PDB file of N, CA and C in Angstrom:
ATOM      1  N   MET A   1     -13.998  14.657  -2.382  1.00  0.00           N
ATOM      2  CA  MET A   1     -12.741  14.104  -1.907  1.00  0.00           C
ATOM      3  C   MET A   1     -12.575  14.442  -0.429  1.00  0.00           C
ATOM      4  N   ARG A   2     -12.092  13.484   0.314  1.00  0.00           N
ATOM      5  CA  ARG A   2     -11.910  13.660   1.752  1.00  0.00           C
ATOM      6  C   ARG A   2     -10.670  14.501   2.047  1.00  0.00           C
ATOM      7  N   ARG A   3     -10.771  15.364   3.027  1.00  0.00           N
ATOM      8  CA  ARG A   3      -9.634  16.211   3.422  1.00  0.00           C
ATOM      9  C   ARG A   3      -8.725  15.439   4.365  1.00  0.00           C
ATOM     10  N   LEU A   4      -7.437  15.692   4.226  1.00  0.00           N
ATOM     11  CA  LEU A   4      -6.465  15.064   5.118  1.00  0.00           C
ATOM     12  C   LEU A   4      -6.452  15.794   6.456  1.00  0.00           C
ATOM     13  N   PRO A   5      -6.139  15.092   7.542  1.00  0.00           N
ATOM     14  CA  PRO A   5      -5.990  15.765   8.839  1.00  0.00           C
ATOM     15  C   PRO A   5      -4.872  16.805   8.769  1.00  0.00           C
ATOM     16  N   ALA A   6      -5.013  17.856   9.540  1.00  0.00           N
ATOM     17  CA  ALA A   6      -4.069  18.980   9.519  1.00  0.00           C
ATOM     18  C   ALA A   6      -2.636  18.514   9.782  1.00  0.00           C
ATOM     19  N   GLU A   7      -2.449  17.554  10.702  1.00  0.00           N
ATOM     20  CA  GLU A   7      -1.083  17.109  11.012  1.00  0.00           C
ATOM     21  C   GLU A   7      -0.455  16.371   9.832  1.00  0.00           C
ATOM     22  N   VAL A   8      -1.276  15.703   9.028  1.00  0.00           N
ATOM     23  CA  VAL A   8      -0.758  15.026   7.834  1.00  0.00           C
ATOM     24  C   VAL A   8      -0.354  16.066   6.794  1.00  0.00           C
ATOM     25  N   VAL A   9      -1.177  17.069   6.602  1.00  0.00           N
ATOM     26  CA  VAL A   9      -0.864  18.143   5.650  1.00  0.00           C
ATOM     27  C   VAL A   9       0.439  18.836   6.055  1.00  0.00           C
ATOM     28  N   ARG A  10       0.593  19.119   7.346  1.00  0.00           N
ATOM     29  CA  ARG A  10       1.838  19.753   7.819  1.00  0.00           C
ATOM     30  C   ARG A  10       3.043  18.867   7.533  1.00  0.00           C
ATOM     31  N   ALA A  11       2.916  17.586   7.774  1.00  0.00           N
ATOM     32  CA  ALA A  11       4.030  16.658   7.535  1.00  0.00           C
ATOM     33  C   ALA A  11       4.376  16.595   6.054  1.00  0.00           C
ATOM     34  N   VAL A  12       3.383  16.528   5.197  1.00  0.00           N
ATOM     35  CA  VAL A  12       3.633  16.455   3.754  1.00  0.00           C
ATOM     36  C   VAL A  12       4.316  17.726   3.260  1.00  0.00           C
ATOM     37  N   LYS A  13       3.931  18.871   3.806  1.00  0.00           N
ATOM     38  CA  LYS A  13       4.477  20.154   3.354  1.00  0.00           C
ATOM     39  C   LYS A  13       5.757  20.570   4.083  1.00  0.00           C
ATOM     40  N   ASP A  14       6.208  19.786   5.046  1.00  0.00           N
ATOM     41  CA  ASP A  14       7.376  20.152   5.852  1.00  0.00           C
ATOM     42  C   ASP A  14       8.605  20.361   4.964  1.00  0.00           C
ATOM     43  N   GLU A  15       9.169  21.564   5.005  1.00  0.00           N
ATOM     44  CA  GLU A  15      10.283  21.925   4.127  1.00  0.00           C
ATOM     45  C   GLU A  15      11.536  21.100   4.387  1.00  0.00           C
ATOM     46  N   ASP A  16      11.833  20.790   5.639  1.00  0.00           N
ATOM     47  CA  ASP A  16      13.014  19.980   5.947  1.00  0.00           C
ATOM     48  C   ASP A  16      12.872  18.572   5.369  1.00  0.00           C
ATOM     49  N   ARG A  17      11.691  17.983   5.526  1.00  0.00           N
ATOM     50  CA  ARG A  17      11.441  16.643   4.985  1.00  0.00           C
ATOM     51  C   ARG A  17      11.557  16.650   3.465  1.00  0.00           C
ATOM     52  N   LEU A  18      10.985  17.671   2.830  1.00  0.00           N
ATOM     53  CA  LEU A  18      11.051  17.761   1.370  1.00  0.00           C
ATOM     54  C   LEU A  18      12.486  17.969   0.881  1.00  0.00           C
ATOM     55  N   ALA A  19      13.273  18.753   1.610  1.00  0.00           N
ATOM     56  CA  ALA A  19      14.664  18.980   1.225  1.00  0.00           C
ATOM     57  C   ALA A  19      15.456  17.669   1.257  1.00  0.00           C
ATOM     58  N   VAL A  20      15.236  16.861   2.294  1.00  0.00           N
ATOM     59  CA  VAL A  20      15.910  15.564   2.379  1.00  0.00           C
ATOM     60  C   VAL A  20      15.451  14.661   1.241  1.00  0.00           C
ATOM     61  N   LEU A  21      14.142  14.613   1.000  1.00  0.00           N
ATOM     62  CA  LEU A  21      13.600  13.780  -0.069  1.00  0.00           C
ATOM     63  C   LEU A  21      14.201  14.158  -1.415  1.00  0.00           C
ATOM     64  N   HIS A  22      14.260  15.439  -1.718  1.00  0.00           N
ATOM     65  CA  HIS A  22      14.818  15.874  -3.000  1.00  0.00           C
ATOM     66  C   HIS A  22      16.324  15.635  -3.038  1.00  0.00           C
ATOM     67  N   GLY A  23      16.988  15.766  -1.898  1.00  0.00           N
ATOM     68  CA  GLY A  23      18.423  15.515  -1.834  1.00  0.00           C
ATOM     69  C   GLY A  23      18.784  14.063  -2.102  1.00  0.00           C
ATOM     70  N   LEU A  24      17.877  13.147  -1.811  1.00  0.00           N
ATOM     71  CA  LEU A  24      18.118  11.721  -2.060  1.00  0.00           C
ATOM     72  C   LEU A  24      18.106  11.389  -3.551  1.00  0.00           C
ATOM     73  N   GLU A  25      17.464  12.246  -4.336  1.00  0.00           N
ATOM     74  CA  GLU A  25      17.342  12.035  -5.785  1.00  0.00           C
ATOM     75  C   GLU A  25      16.771  10.655  -6.108  1.00  0.00           C
ATOM     76  N   MET A  26      15.728  10.261  -5.373  1.00  0.00           N
ATOM     77  CA  MET A  26      15.100   8.954  -5.554  1.00  0.00           C
ATOM     78  C   MET A  26      13.773   9.026  -6.301  1.00  0.00           C
ATOM     79  N   LEU A  27      13.249  10.230  -6.499  1.00  0.00           N
ATOM     80  CA  LEU A  27      11.970  10.351  -7.202  1.00  0.00           C
ATOM     81  C   LEU A  27      12.162  10.055  -8.681  1.00  0.00           C
ATOM     82  N   ASP A  28      11.199   9.397  -9.276  1.00  0.00           N
ATOM     83  CA  ASP A  28      11.206   9.081 -10.714  1.00  0.00           C
ATOM     84  C   ASP A  28      12.399   8.228 -11.123  1.00  0.00           C
ATOM     85  N   THR A  29      12.786   7.292 -10.275  1.00  0.00           N
ATOM     86  CA  THR A  29      13.877   6.382 -10.602  1.00  0.00           C
ATOM     87  C   THR A  29      13.327   4.967 -10.797  1.00  0.00           C
ATOM     88  N   ALA A  30      14.161   4.116 -11.323  1.00  0.00           N
ATOM     89  CA  ALA A  30      13.776   2.713 -11.519  1.00  0.00           C
ATOM     90  C   ALA A  30      13.673   2.018 -10.162  1.00  0.00           C
ATOM     91  N   ALA A  31      13.155   0.802 -10.193  1.00  0.00           N
ATOM     92  CA  ALA A  31      13.052   0.000  -8.967  1.00  0.00           C
ATOM     93  C   ALA A  31      14.425  -0.130  -8.313  1.00  0.00           C
ATOM     94  N   ASP A  32      14.425  -0.187  -6.986  1.00  0.00           N
ATOM     95  CA  ASP A  32      15.672  -0.252  -6.228  1.00  0.00           C
ATOM     96  C   ASP A  32      15.731  -1.583  -5.473  1.00  0.00           C
ATOM     97  N   PRO A  33      16.800  -2.361  -5.653  1.00  0.00           N
ATOM     98  CA  PRO A  33      16.894  -3.659  -4.976  1.00  0.00           C
ATOM     99  C   PRO A  33      16.850  -3.559  -3.448  1.00  0.00           C
ATOM    100  N   ASP A  34      17.351  -2.469  -2.887  1.00  0.00           N
ATOM    101  CA  ASP A  34      17.293  -2.298  -1.428  1.00  0.00           C
ATOM    102  C   ASP A  34      15.848  -2.191  -0.951  1.00  0.00           C
ATOM    103  N   PHE A  35      15.024  -1.421  -1.664  1.00  0.00           N
ATOM    104  CA  PHE A  35      13.616  -1.312  -1.296  1.00  0.00           C
ATOM    105  C   PHE A  35      12.902  -2.637  -1.514  1.00  0.00           C
ATOM    106  N   ASP A  36      13.292  -3.371  -2.545  1.00  0.00           N
ATOM    107  CA  ASP A  36      12.706  -4.701  -2.786  1.00  0.00           C
ATOM    108  C   ASP A  36      12.974  -5.622  -1.598  1.00  0.00           C
ATOM    109  N   ARG A  37      14.186  -5.559  -1.047  1.00  0.00           N
ATOM    110  CA  ARG A  37      14.517  -6.382   0.116  1.00  0.00           C
ATOM    111  C   ARG A  37      13.706  -5.955   1.345  1.00  0.00           C
ATOM    112  N   VAL A  38      13.564  -4.653   1.540  1.00  0.00           N
ATOM    113  CA  VAL A  38      12.779  -4.146   2.677  1.00  0.00           C
ATOM    114  C   VAL A  38      11.341  -4.627   2.569  1.00  0.00           C
ATOM    115  N   THR A  39      10.754  -4.532   1.383  1.00  0.00           N
ATOM    116  CA  THR A  39       9.365  -4.965   1.242  1.00  0.00           C
ATOM    117  C   THR A  39       9.235  -6.480   1.371  1.00  0.00           C
ATOM    118  N   SER A  40      10.240  -7.223   0.948  1.00  0.00           N
ATOM    119  CA  SER A  40      10.198  -8.688   1.128  1.00  0.00           C
ATOM    120  C   SER A  40      10.200  -9.051   2.605  1.00  0.00           C
ATOM    121  N   VAL A  41      11.044  -8.384   3.366  1.00  0.00           N
ATOM    122  CA  VAL A  41      11.085  -8.632   4.813  1.00  0.00           C
ATOM    123  C   VAL A  41       9.747  -8.234   5.442  1.00  0.00           C
ATOM    124  N   ALA A  42       9.212  -7.082   5.037  1.00  0.00           N
ATOM    125  CA  ALA A  42       7.947  -6.611   5.609  1.00  0.00           C
ATOM    126  C   ALA A  42       6.813  -7.589   5.321  1.00  0.00           C
ATOM    127  N   THR A  43       6.747  -8.123   4.097  1.00  0.00           N
ATOM    128  CA  THR A  43       5.680  -9.078   3.786  1.00  0.00           C
ATOM    129  C   THR A  43       5.812 -10.346   4.624  1.00  0.00           C
ATOM    130  N   ALA A  44       7.047 -10.789   4.846  1.00  0.00           N
ATOM    131  CA  ALA A  44       7.268 -12.001   5.643  1.00  0.00           C
ATOM    132  C   ALA A  44       6.916 -11.764   7.109  1.00  0.00           C
ATOM    133  N   VAL A  45       7.376 -10.656   7.666  1.00  0.00           N
ATOM    134  CA  VAL A  45       7.148 -10.371   9.083  1.00  0.00           C
ATOM    135  C   VAL A  45       5.657 -10.135   9.362  1.00  0.00           C
ATOM    136  N   MET A  46       5.018  -9.375   8.481  1.00  0.00           N
ATOM    137  CA  MET A  46       3.609  -9.030   8.691  1.00  0.00           C
ATOM    138  C   MET A  46       2.653 -10.086   8.136  1.00  0.00           C
ATOM    139  N   GLN A  47       3.196 -11.070   7.439  1.00  0.00           N
ATOM    140  CA  GLN A  47       2.399 -12.142   6.831  1.00  0.00           C
ATOM    141  C   GLN A  47       1.273 -11.585   5.967  1.00  0.00           C
ATOM    142  N   VAL A  48       1.689 -10.699   5.043  1.00  0.00           N
ATOM    143  CA  VAL A  48       0.756 -10.088   4.092  1.00  0.00           C
ATOM    144  C   VAL A  48       1.280 -10.319   2.677  1.00  0.00           C
ATOM    145  N   PRO A  49       0.407 -10.251   1.671  1.00  0.00           N
ATOM    146  CA  PRO A  49       0.869 -10.522   0.310  1.00  0.00           C
ATOM    147  C   PRO A  49       1.641  -9.379  -0.339  1.00  0.00           C
ATOM    148  N   VAL A  50       1.455  -8.140   0.144  1.00  0.00           N
ATOM    149  CA  VAL A  50       2.068  -6.981  -0.505  1.00  0.00           C
ATOM    150  C   VAL A  50       2.534  -5.986   0.549  1.00  0.00           C
ATOM    151  N   ALA A  51       3.705  -5.384   0.317  1.00  0.00           N
ATOM    152  CA  ALA A  51       4.192  -4.258   1.124  1.00  0.00           C
ATOM    153  C   ALA A  51       4.768  -3.233   0.156  1.00  0.00           C
ATOM    154  N   LEU A  52       4.637  -1.960   0.477  1.00  0.00           N
ATOM    155  CA  LEU A  52       5.091  -0.888  -0.406  1.00  0.00           C
ATOM    156  C   LEU A  52       5.973   0.096   0.340  1.00  0.00           C
ATOM    157  N   VAL A  53       6.917   0.686  -0.382  1.00  0.00           N
ATOM    158  CA  VAL A  53       7.679   1.832   0.105  1.00  0.00           C
ATOM    159  C   VAL A  53       7.257   2.996  -0.777  1.00  0.00           C
ATOM    160  N   THR A  54       6.723   4.043  -0.172  1.00  0.00           N
ATOM    161  CA  THR A  54       6.250   5.197  -0.934  1.00  0.00           C
ATOM    162  C   THR A  54       6.980   6.447  -0.474  1.00  0.00           C
ATOM    163  N   LEU A  55       7.534   7.177  -1.428  1.00  0.00           N
ATOM    164  CA  LEU A  55       8.180   8.453  -1.151  1.00  0.00           C
ATOM    165  C   LEU A  55       7.186   9.542  -1.539  1.00  0.00           C
ATOM    166  N   VAL A  56       6.773  10.361  -0.582  1.00  0.00           N
ATOM    167  CA  VAL A  56       5.713  11.340  -0.812  1.00  0.00           C
ATOM    168  C   VAL A  56       6.325  12.722  -0.971  1.00  0.00           C
ATOM    169  N   ASP A  57       6.120  13.304  -2.154  1.00  0.00           N
ATOM    170  CA  ASP A  57       6.527  14.667  -2.463  1.00  0.00           C
ATOM    171  C   ASP A  57       5.318  15.577  -2.218  1.00  0.00           C
ATOM    172  N   ILE A  58       5.486  16.849  -2.393  1.00  0.00           N
ATOM    173  CA  ILE A  58       4.384  17.787  -2.153  1.00  0.00           C
ATOM    174  C   ILE A  58       3.240  17.589  -3.138  1.00  0.00           C
ATOM    175  N   GLU A  59       3.538  17.177  -4.369  1.00  0.00           N
ATOM    176  CA  GLU A  59       2.513  17.041  -5.402  1.00  0.00           C
ATOM    177  C   GLU A  59       2.316  15.606  -5.881  1.00  0.00           C
ATOM    178  N   ARG A  60       3.108  14.669  -5.401  1.00  0.00           N
ATOM    179  CA  ARG A  60       3.033  13.298  -5.922  1.00  0.00           C
ATOM    180  C   ARG A  60       3.617  12.315  -4.924  1.00  0.00           C
ATOM    181  N   GLN A  61       3.391  11.060  -5.241  1.00  0.00           N
ATOM    182  CA  GLN A  61       4.034  10.001  -4.454  1.00  0.00           C
ATOM    183  C   GLN A  61       4.536   8.939  -5.386  1.00  0.00           C
TER     184      GLN A  61
END
């Protein structure tokens, strides 16, 4: 398995970022219409078939 660059590892493990992510209470929830709209706009603007919103936790995404 390939190792992530050090700056990516630091960002993923950043305690402030993780605190905000957990405070949003968005992990393990159903699909969100707001994110659906964001990805629809992204697919149209970028002219691609798929766009994703990913919330990255320390152990999962």
